[in-house]
């Protein structure tokens, strides 16, 4: 089963960025560098508010 993409709002600068929910590497905000997603071996831990989820088909 594939994963989904989520638009996450950065808690520091409110930038919205799209991340893969099963990220294999740490994802940082492109504007301020705050960590938005941390890999856990399955679903990534999201450290911001999920604004929207796009399901992969």
PDB file of N, CA and C in Angstrom:
ATOM      1  N   UNK A   1       0.846  -1.176   0.000  1.00  0.00           N
ATOM      2  CA  UNK A   1       0.000   0.000   0.000  1.00  0.00           C
ATOM      3  C   UNK A   1       0.890   1.237   0.000  1.00  0.00           C
ATOM      4  N   UNK A   2       0.569   2.160  -0.858  1.00  0.00           N
ATOM      5  CA  UNK A   2       1.323   3.419  -0.960  1.00  0.00           C
ATOM      6  C   UNK A   2       0.951   4.329   0.208  1.00  0.00           C
ATOM      7  N   UNK A   3       1.543   5.491   0.226  1.00  0.00           N
ATOM      8  CA  UNK A   3       1.251   6.443   1.286  1.00  0.00           C
ATOM      9  C   UNK A   3       0.538   7.663   0.735  1.00  0.00           C
ATOM     10  N   UNK A   4       0.221   8.562   1.613  1.00  0.00           N
ATOM     11  CA  UNK A   4      -0.456   9.800   1.250  1.00  0.00           C
ATOM     12  C   UNK A   4       0.480  10.982   1.452  1.00  0.00           C
ATOM     13  N   UNK A   5       0.122  12.083   0.827  1.00  0.00           N
ATOM     14  CA  UNK A   5       0.836  13.333   1.011  1.00  0.00           C
ATOM     15  C   UNK A   5      -0.039  14.253   1.847  1.00  0.00           C
ATOM     16  N   UNK A   6       0.571  15.000   2.748  1.00  0.00           N
ATOM     17  CA  UNK A   6      -0.167  15.931   3.601  1.00  0.00           C
ATOM     18  C   UNK A   6       0.452  17.316   3.495  1.00  0.00           C
ATOM     19  N   UNK A   7      -0.411  18.325   3.485  1.00  0.00           N
ATOM     20  CA  UNK A   7       0.058  19.703   3.572  1.00  0.00           C
ATOM     21  C   UNK A   7       0.107  20.036   5.048  1.00  0.00           C
ATOM     22  N   UNK A   8       1.301  20.411   5.516  1.00  0.00           N
ATOM     23  CA  UNK A   8       1.535  20.662   6.939  1.00  0.00           C
ATOM     24  C   UNK A   8       1.888  22.132   7.131  1.00  0.00           C
ATOM     25  N   UNK A   9       1.284  22.749   8.154  1.00  0.00           N
ATOM     26  CA  UNK A   9       1.602  24.142   8.481  1.00  0.00           C
ATOM     27  C   UNK A   9       2.685  24.162   9.546  1.00  0.00           C
ATOM     28  N   UNK A  10       3.755  24.898   9.278  1.00  0.00           N
ATOM     29  CA  UNK A  10       4.871  25.009  10.220  1.00  0.00           C
ATOM     30  C   UNK A  10       4.406  25.754  11.470  1.00  0.00           C
ATOM     31  N   UNK A  11       4.678  25.229  12.676  1.00  0.00           N
ATOM     32  CA  UNK A  11       4.252  25.903  13.902  1.00  0.00           C
ATOM     33  C   UNK A  11       5.027  27.195  14.187  1.00  0.00           C
ATOM     34  N   UNK A  12       6.191  27.370  13.555  1.00  0.00           N
ATOM     35  CA  UNK A  12       6.993  28.572  13.795  1.00  0.00           C
ATOM     36  C   UNK A  12       6.653  29.720  12.854  1.00  0.00           C
ATOM     37  N   UNK A  13       6.632  29.450  11.535  1.00  0.00           N
ATOM     38  CA  UNK A  13       6.469  30.539  10.567  1.00  0.00           C
ATOM     39  C   UNK A  13       5.168  30.473   9.768  1.00  0.00           C
ATOM     40  N   UNK A  14       4.351  29.452   9.999  1.00  0.00           N
ATOM     41  CA  UNK A  14       3.055  29.257   9.346  1.00  0.00           C
ATOM     42  C   UNK A  14       3.158  28.981   7.847  1.00  0.00           C
ATOM     43  N   UNK A  15       4.351  28.622   7.366  1.00  0.00           N
ATOM     44  CA  UNK A  15       4.529  28.203   5.979  1.00  0.00           C
ATOM     45  C   UNK A  15       3.827  26.862   5.790  1.00  0.00           C
ATOM     46  N   UNK A  16       3.158  26.676   4.647  1.00  0.00           N
ATOM     47  CA  UNK A  16       2.530  25.395   4.343  1.00  0.00           C
ATOM     48  C   UNK A  16       3.415  24.638   3.372  1.00  0.00           C
ATOM     49  N   UNK A  17       3.672  23.370   3.706  1.00  0.00           N
ATOM     50  CA  UNK A  17       4.571  22.544   2.903  1.00  0.00           C
ATOM     51  C   UNK A  17       3.989  21.149   2.792  1.00  0.00           C
ATOM     52  N   UNK A  18       4.141  20.525   1.632  1.00  0.00           N
ATOM     53  CA  UNK A  18       3.639  19.177   1.400  1.00  0.00           C
ATOM     54  C   UNK A  18       4.714  18.163   1.774  1.00  0.00           C
ATOM     55  N   UNK A  19       4.332  17.183   2.596  1.00  0.00           N
ATOM     56  CA  UNK A  19       5.266  16.131   3.016  1.00  0.00           C
ATOM     57  C   UNK A  19       4.616  14.759   2.805  1.00  0.00           C
ATOM     58  N   UNK A  20       5.447  13.742   2.615  1.00  0.00           N
ATOM     59  CA  UNK A  20       4.984  12.364   2.469  1.00  0.00           C
ATOM     60  C   UNK A  20       4.763  11.788   3.862  1.00  0.00           C
ATOM     61  N   UNK A  21       3.632  11.140   4.089  1.00  0.00           N
ATOM     62  CA  UNK A  21       3.310  10.661   5.438  1.00  0.00           C
ATOM     63  C   UNK A  21       4.209   9.530   5.918  1.00  0.00           C
ATOM     64  N   UNK A  22       4.915   8.880   4.989  1.00  0.00           N
ATOM     65  CA  UNK A  22       5.849   7.811   5.361  1.00  0.00           C
ATOM     66  C   UNK A  22       7.274   8.247   5.061  1.00  0.00           C
ATOM     67  N   UNK A  23       7.610   9.468   5.420  1.00  0.00           N
ATOM     68  CA  UNK A  23       8.922  10.034   5.129  1.00  0.00           C
ATOM     69  C   UNK A  23      10.034   9.167   5.721  1.00  0.00           C
ATOM     70  N   UNK A  24      11.061   8.906   4.922  1.00  0.00           N
ATOM     71  CA  UNK A  24      12.187   8.089   5.362  1.00  0.00           C
ATOM     72  C   UNK A  24      13.324   8.945   5.913  1.00  0.00           C
ATOM     73  N   UNK A  25      13.253  10.251   5.681  1.00  0.00           N
ATOM     74  CA  UNK A  25      14.251  11.173   6.213  1.00  0.00           C
ATOM     75  C   UNK A  25      13.529  12.322   6.895  1.00  0.00           C
ATOM     76  N   UNK A  26      14.247  13.042   7.733  1.00  0.00           N
ATOM     77  CA  UNK A  26      13.662  14.178   8.434  1.00  0.00           C
ATOM     78  C   UNK A  26      13.334  15.281   7.424  1.00  0.00           C
ATOM     79  N   UNK A  27      12.131  15.853   7.533  1.00  0.00           N
ATOM     80  CA  UNK A  27      11.702  16.922   6.629  1.00  0.00           C
ATOM     81  C   UNK A  27      11.678  18.228   7.411  1.00  0.00           C
ATOM     82  N   UNK A  28      12.395  19.228   6.885  1.00  0.00           N
ATOM     83  CA  UNK A  28      12.465  20.538   7.527  1.00  0.00           C
ATOM     84  C   UNK A  28      11.689  21.562   6.721  1.00  0.00           C
ATOM     85  N   UNK A  29      11.218  22.596   7.399  1.00  0.00           N
ATOM     86  CA  UNK A  29      10.523  23.701   6.754  1.00  0.00           C
ATOM     87  C   UNK A  29      11.491  24.393   5.803  1.00  0.00           C
ATOM     88  N   UNK A  30      11.044  24.688   4.594  1.00  0.00           N
ATOM     89  CA  UNK A  30      11.884  25.341   3.591  1.00  0.00           C
ATOM     90  C   UNK A  30      12.161  26.798   3.939  1.00  0.00           C
ATOM     91  N   UNK A  31      11.345  27.399   4.813  1.00  0.00           N
ATOM     92  CA  UNK A  31      11.505  28.809   5.158  1.00  0.00           C
ATOM     93  C   UNK A  31      12.373  28.987   6.405  1.00  0.00           C
ATOM     94  N   UNK A  32      12.001  28.329   7.514  1.00  0.00           N
ATOM     95  CA  UNK A  32      12.700  28.580   8.782  1.00  0.00           C
ATOM     96  C   UNK A  32      13.559  27.416   9.268  1.00  0.00           C
ATOM     97  N   UNK A  33      13.415  26.227   8.671  1.00  0.00           N
ATOM     98  CA  UNK A  33      14.232  25.087   9.056  1.00  0.00           C
ATOM     99  C   UNK A  33      13.675  24.238  10.188  1.00  0.00           C
ATOM    100  N   UNK A  34      12.500  24.573  10.719  1.00  0.00           N
ATOM    101  CA  UNK A  34      11.878  23.782  11.791  1.00  0.00           C
ATOM    102  C   UNK A  34      11.552  22.385  11.251  1.00  0.00           C
ATOM    103  N   UNK A  35      11.735  21.363  12.061  1.00  0.00           N
ATOM    104  CA  UNK A  35      11.438  19.994  11.646  1.00  0.00           C
ATOM    105  C   UNK A  35       9.927  19.797  11.562  1.00  0.00           C
ATOM    106  N   UNK A  36       9.451  19.344  10.382  1.00  0.00           N
ATOM    107  CA  UNK A  36       8.025  19.118  10.177  1.00  0.00           C
ATOM    108  C   UNK A  36       7.646  17.647  10.293  1.00  0.00           C
ATOM    109  N   UNK A  37       8.568  16.745   9.932  1.00  0.00           N
ATOM    110  CA  UNK A  37       8.283  15.314   9.992  1.00  0.00           C
ATOM    111  C   UNK A  37       9.542  14.554  10.381  1.00  0.00           C
ATOM    112  N   UNK A  38       9.374  13.577  11.267  1.00  0.00           N
ATOM    113  CA  UNK A  38      10.482  12.719  11.690  1.00  0.00           C
ATOM    114  C   UNK A  38      10.130  11.275  11.340  1.00  0.00           C
ATOM    115  N   UNK A  39      11.057  10.543  10.718  1.00  0.00           N
ATOM    116  CA  UNK A  39      10.790   9.146  10.358  1.00  0.00           C
ATOM    117  C   UNK A  39      10.713   8.259  11.598  1.00  0.00           C
ATOM    118  N   UNK A  40       9.832   7.261  11.547  1.00  0.00           N
ATOM    119  CA  UNK A  40       9.688   6.331  12.673  1.00  0.00           C
ATOM    120  C   UNK A  40       9.737   4.880  12.231  1.00  0.00           C
ATOM    121  N   UNK A  41       9.936   4.628  10.940  1.00  0.00           N
ATOM    122  CA  UNK A  41       9.920   3.262  10.426  1.00  0.00           C
ATOM    123  C   UNK A  41       8.575   2.901   9.838  1.00  0.00           C
ATOM    124  N   UNK A  42       7.593   3.721  10.023  1.00  0.00           N
ATOM    125  CA  UNK A  42       6.255   3.552   9.458  1.00  0.00           C
ATOM    126  C   UNK A  42       5.755   4.928   9.084  1.00  0.00           C
ATOM    127  N   UNK A  43       4.642   5.307   9.658  1.00  0.00           N
ATOM    128  CA  UNK A  43       4.161   6.669   9.444  1.00  0.00           C
ATOM    129  C   UNK A  43       5.060   7.645  10.181  1.00  0.00           C
ATOM    130  N   UNK A  44       5.395   8.735   9.519  1.00  0.00           N
ATOM    131  CA  UNK A  44       6.262   9.743  10.132  1.00  0.00           C
ATOM    132  C   UNK A  44       5.505  10.488  11.228  1.00  0.00           C
ATOM    133  N   UNK A  45       6.237  10.988  12.206  1.00  0.00           N
ATOM    134  CA  UNK A  45       5.657  11.840  13.235  1.00  0.00           C
ATOM    135  C   UNK A  45       5.615  13.257  12.681  1.00  0.00           C
ATOM    136  N   UNK A  46       4.405  13.811  12.547  1.00  0.00           N
ATOM    137  CA  UNK A  46       4.220  15.147  11.995  1.00  0.00           C
ATOM    138  C   UNK A  46       4.237  16.150  13.147  1.00  0.00           C
ATOM    139  N   UNK A  47       5.074  17.183  13.032  1.00  0.00           N
ATOM    140  CA  UNK A  47       5.211  18.182  14.091  1.00  0.00           C
ATOM    141  C   UNK A  47       4.648  19.526  13.646  1.00  0.00           C
ATOM    142  N   UNK A  48       3.454  19.522  13.173  1.00  0.00           N
ATOM    143  CA  UNK A  48       2.755  20.722  12.749  1.00  0.00           C
ATOM    144  C   UNK A  48       1.301  20.357  12.522  1.00  0.00           C
ATOM    145  N   UNK A  49       0.508  21.334  12.155  1.00  0.00           N
ATOM    146  CA  UNK A  49      -0.907  21.077  11.903  1.00  0.00           C
ATOM    147  C   UNK A  49      -1.093  20.588  10.474  1.00  0.00           C
ATOM    148  N   UNK A  50      -1.788  19.453  10.310  1.00  0.00           N
ATOM    149  CA  UNK A  50      -2.085  18.942   8.980  1.00  0.00           C
ATOM    150  C   UNK A  50      -3.283  19.720   8.437  1.00  0.00           C
ATOM    151  N   UNK A  51      -3.049  20.453   7.348  1.00  0.00           N
ATOM    152  CA  UNK A  51      -4.066  21.307   6.757  1.00  0.00           C
ATOM    153  C   UNK A  51      -4.924  20.515   5.773  1.00  0.00           C
ATOM    154  N   UNK A  52      -4.274  19.637   4.992  1.00  0.00           N
ATOM    155  CA  UNK A  52      -4.973  18.886   3.954  1.00  0.00           C
ATOM    156  C   UNK A  52      -4.239  17.596   3.700  1.00  0.00           C
ATOM    157  N   UNK A  53      -4.969  16.527   3.340  1.00  0.00           N
ATOM    158  CA  UNK A  53      -4.356  15.251   2.991  1.00  0.00           C
ATOM    159  C   UNK A  53      -4.784  14.877   1.584  1.00  0.00           C
ATOM    160  N   UNK A  54      -3.802  14.511   0.763  1.00  0.00           N
ATOM    161  CA  UNK A  54      -4.071  14.077  -0.614  1.00  0.00           C
ATOM    162  C   UNK A  54      -3.777  12.593  -0.672  1.00  0.00           C
ATOM    163  N   UNK A  55      -4.773  11.793  -1.027  1.00  0.00           N
ATOM    164  CA  UNK A  55      -4.612  10.354  -1.071  1.00  0.00           C
ATOM    165  C   UNK A  55      -4.007   9.935  -2.409  1.00  0.00           C
ATOM    166  N   UNK A  56      -2.989   9.095  -2.354  1.00  0.00           N
ATOM    167  CA  UNK A  56      -2.384   8.546  -3.570  1.00  0.00           C
ATOM    168  C   UNK A  56      -3.235   7.371  -4.031  1.00  0.00           C
ATOM    169  N   UNK A  57      -3.345   7.201  -5.323  1.00  0.00           N
ATOM    170  CA  UNK A  57      -4.155   6.096  -5.859  1.00  0.00           C
ATOM    171  C   UNK A  57      -3.299   5.136  -6.604  1.00  0.00           C
TER     172      UNK A  57
END
